[in-house]
Amino acid sequence: DLHDRPVSADNEGYDLVMGISTGFEPETPGSRLLATVDLAIVAEPGYIAMHKRPQEPTELLQHRLLSWSGMPQWDMRGGVSISPRIAFYSNDLNVIRNCCIAASGIALLPHFMIREELAHRTLVQLLDGFEPKPLKLMAGWGSRRSPCLAAQTFIAHLETWLRRSPA
């Protein structure tokens, strides 16, 4: 099941739940940090040519911002945080990426989703020095002492795959 909301392994009968969040810590019983997810604030070069390039986070508020439903606040390194006025929300990150590529505005996206677009300059990264704080990819199994064998096997496979994948 894919949900755009917090899920409880205990209350909803799941052996394993995974989520990207700023939430539960790796030390919490019943959960494990699998990886951190680097984020980038990006725009299509044509959008930047038509609008003033933001130099600091507060200037984002003067732009069309694109975001996924689970990000009501954009937290950046250095303790800077903004509550953006979002022009377009989606719970599908591919939709947000495609809208950004179509010069519809500035987006906050996981770096792994836009690596190719950044390399080909289809999208450009904004706000050097104010990079977004990374999110956490977490696995959780609720109040059980440890995940079931199938979940343990999946977690081990995923951890191996994540170590081999480029950041």
Protein backbone atom coordinates (compact mmCIF):
# COMPACT_ATOMS: atom_id res chain seq x y z
CA ASP A 1 0.00 0.00 0.00
CA LEU A 2 1.20 3.52 -0.75
CA HIS A 3 -0.08 6.28 1.50
CA ASP A 4 0.58 9.98 1.77
CA ARG A 5 0.04 9.97 5.53
CA PRO A 6 1.67 8.51 8.64
CA VAL A 7 1.05 4.76 8.92
CA SER A 8 1.06 2.64 12.08
CA ALA A 9 2.45 -0.89 11.70
CA ASP A 10 0.67 -1.95 14.90
CA ASN A 11 -2.73 -0.37 14.30
CA GLU A 12 -2.95 -1.17 10.58
CA GLY A 13 -1.53 -4.71 10.62
CA TYR A 14 1.64 -4.12 8.60
CA ASP A 15 4.81 -6.15 9.11
CA LEU A 16 6.91 -3.26 7.83
CA VAL A 17 6.29 0.40 7.05
CA MET A 18 8.68 2.74 5.30
CA GLY A 19 8.59 6.47 5.07
CA ILE A 20 10.54 9.56 4.28
CA SER A 21 10.31 12.01 7.13
CA THR A 22 11.98 14.31 9.55
CA GLY A 23 10.20 12.23 12.17
CA PHE A 24 11.06 9.21 14.25
CA GLU A 25 14.67 8.76 15.31
CA PRO A 26 16.79 5.67 14.60
CA GLU A 27 17.09 4.93 18.34
CA THR A 28 13.32 4.47 18.68
CA PRO A 29 12.45 0.82 19.31
CA GLY A 30 10.72 -0.61 16.28
CA SER A 31 12.42 1.56 13.66
CA ARG A 32 15.66 1.92 11.76
CA LEU A 33 17.26 4.67 9.70
CA LEU A 34 17.95 3.27 6.23
CA ALA A 35 19.36 6.35 4.51
CA THR A 36 19.23 10.11 4.32
CA VAL A 37 17.58 11.72 1.32
CA ASP A 38 19.27 14.87 0.03
CA LEU A 39 16.96 17.55 -1.31
CA ALA A 40 17.47 20.40 -3.76
CA ILE A 41 15.58 23.57 -4.56
CA VAL A 42 15.46 23.73 -8.35
CA ALA A 43 13.97 25.53 -11.31
CA GLU A 44 14.05 25.30 -15.08
CA PRO A 45 16.51 27.87 -16.57
CA GLY A 46 13.73 29.50 -18.62
CA TYR A 47 11.71 30.12 -15.47
CA ILE A 48 14.73 31.80 -13.86
CA ALA A 49 15.30 33.90 -17.01
CA MET A 50 11.70 35.17 -16.78
CA HIS A 51 11.75 35.75 -13.00
CA LYS A 52 14.30 37.10 -10.60
CA ARG A 53 16.61 34.35 -9.30
CA PRO A 54 16.13 34.06 -5.52
CA GLN A 55 19.28 34.84 -3.54
CA GLU A 56 17.95 33.90 -0.10
CA PRO A 57 15.12 31.68 1.17
CA THR A 58 12.64 34.49 1.92
CA GLU A 59 12.74 35.49 -1.76
CA LEU A 60 11.14 32.13 -2.59
CA LEU A 61 7.88 33.60 -1.31
CA GLN A 62 7.78 35.83 -4.42
CA HIS A 63 7.76 32.78 -6.74
CA ARG A 64 5.43 30.01 -7.85
CA LEU A 65 6.39 27.14 -5.57
CA LEU A 66 5.72 23.49 -6.33
CA SER A 67 5.70 20.93 -3.53
CA TRP A 68 4.47 17.52 -2.54
CA SER A 69 1.76 17.26 0.06
CA GLY A 70 3.99 16.13 2.90
CA MET A 71 6.25 19.21 2.94
CA PRO A 72 4.39 22.12 4.57
CA GLN A 73 7.68 23.65 5.68
CA TRP A 74 11.01 23.91 3.86
CA ASP A 75 13.89 23.57 6.34
CA MET A 76 17.33 24.61 5.21
CA ARG A 77 20.77 24.26 6.69
CA GLY A 78 21.81 27.07 8.96
CA GLY A 79 18.51 27.08 10.84
CA VAL A 80 16.56 28.82 8.07
CA SER A 81 13.00 27.66 7.59
CA ILE A 82 10.14 28.98 5.47
CA SER A 83 6.46 28.15 5.31
CA PRO A 84 6.01 28.50 1.57
CA ARG A 85 2.81 29.57 -0.14
CA ILE A 86 2.52 26.68 -2.54
CA ALA A 87 1.06 27.36 -5.99
CA PHE A 88 0.76 23.65 -6.83
CA TYR A 89 0.67 20.56 -4.60
CA SER A 90 0.80 16.90 -5.60
CA ASN A 91 1.36 13.68 -3.72
CA ASP A 92 3.32 12.39 -6.74
CA LEU A 93 6.91 13.64 -6.92
CA ASN A 94 7.12 12.83 -10.64
CA VAL A 95 4.30 15.30 -11.27
CA ILE A 96 6.17 17.98 -9.30
CA ARG A 97 9.39 17.26 -11.23
CA ASN A 98 7.58 17.41 -14.59
CA CYS A 99 5.86 20.69 -13.68
CA CYS A 100 9.22 22.15 -12.70
CA ILE A 101 10.82 21.02 -15.98
CA ALA A 102 7.89 22.69 -17.78
CA ALA A 103 8.93 26.02 -16.17
CA SER A 104 5.89 26.12 -13.88
CA GLY A 105 7.85 27.25 -10.84
CA ILE A 106 10.46 26.38 -8.23
CA ALA A 107 10.38 22.95 -6.60
CA LEU A 108 11.86 21.18 -3.61
CA LEU A 109 12.75 17.67 -4.81
CA PRO A 110 14.87 14.70 -3.74
CA HIS A 111 18.27 14.94 -5.41
CA PHE A 112 18.14 11.33 -6.65
CA MET A 113 15.09 12.19 -8.78
CA ILE A 114 16.73 15.10 -10.59
CA ARG A 115 20.37 13.98 -10.92
CA GLU A 116 20.10 13.66 -14.69
CA GLU A 117 18.23 16.97 -15.12
CA LEU A 118 20.91 18.79 -13.09
CA ALA A 119 23.71 17.18 -15.13
CA HIS A 120 22.06 18.24 -18.41
CA ARG A 121 21.08 21.66 -16.99
CA THR A 122 17.39 20.96 -17.66
CA LEU A 123 17.03 22.10 -14.05
CA VAL A 124 19.37 24.32 -12.04
CA GLN A 125 19.90 24.25 -8.32
CA LEU A 126 19.10 27.45 -6.43
CA LEU A 127 20.11 29.08 -3.15
CA ASP A 128 23.70 27.92 -2.75
CA GLY A 129 24.53 28.05 0.93
CA PHE A 130 20.90 27.45 1.91
CA GLU A 131 20.61 23.81 0.86
CA PRO A 132 17.56 22.01 2.27
CA LYS A 133 18.10 19.73 5.25
CA PRO A 134 18.04 16.06 4.21
CA LEU A 135 15.13 13.85 5.10
CA LYS A 136 15.31 10.38 6.63
CA LEU A 137 14.28 7.15 4.94
CA MET A 138 13.01 5.05 7.83
CA ALA A 139 11.80 1.48 8.24
CA GLY A 140 9.43 0.71 11.10
CA TRP A 141 7.82 -2.45 12.42
CA GLY A 142 5.88 -1.18 15.40
CA SER A 143 6.10 -2.47 18.93
CA ARG A 144 7.55 -5.89 18.06
CA ARG A 145 11.09 -6.50 19.33
CA SER A 146 12.32 -7.08 15.78
CA PRO A 147 10.80 -7.26 12.31
CA CYS A 148 9.57 -10.59 10.95
CA LEU A 149 12.03 -12.65 8.86
CA ALA A 150 10.63 -11.46 5.51
CA ALA A 151 10.91 -7.82 6.62
CA GLN A 152 14.45 -8.42 7.95
CA THR A 153 15.46 -9.89 4.58
CA PHE A 154 13.91 -6.98 2.70
CA ILE A 155 15.60 -4.41 4.97
CA ALA A 156 18.99 -6.12 4.50
CA HIS A 157 18.53 -6.16 0.72
CA LEU A 158 17.45 -2.52 0.67
CA GLU A 159 20.40 -1.43 2.84
CA THR A 160 22.82 -3.22 0.48
CA TRP A 161 21.20 -1.60 -2.55
CA LEU A 162 21.25 1.86 -0.94
CA ARG A 163 24.98 1.54 -0.12
CA ARG A 164 25.71 0.77 -3.80
CA SER A 165 23.49 3.52 -5.21
CA PRO A 166 25.06 6.92 -5.87
CA ALA A 167 24.07 9.62 -3.40
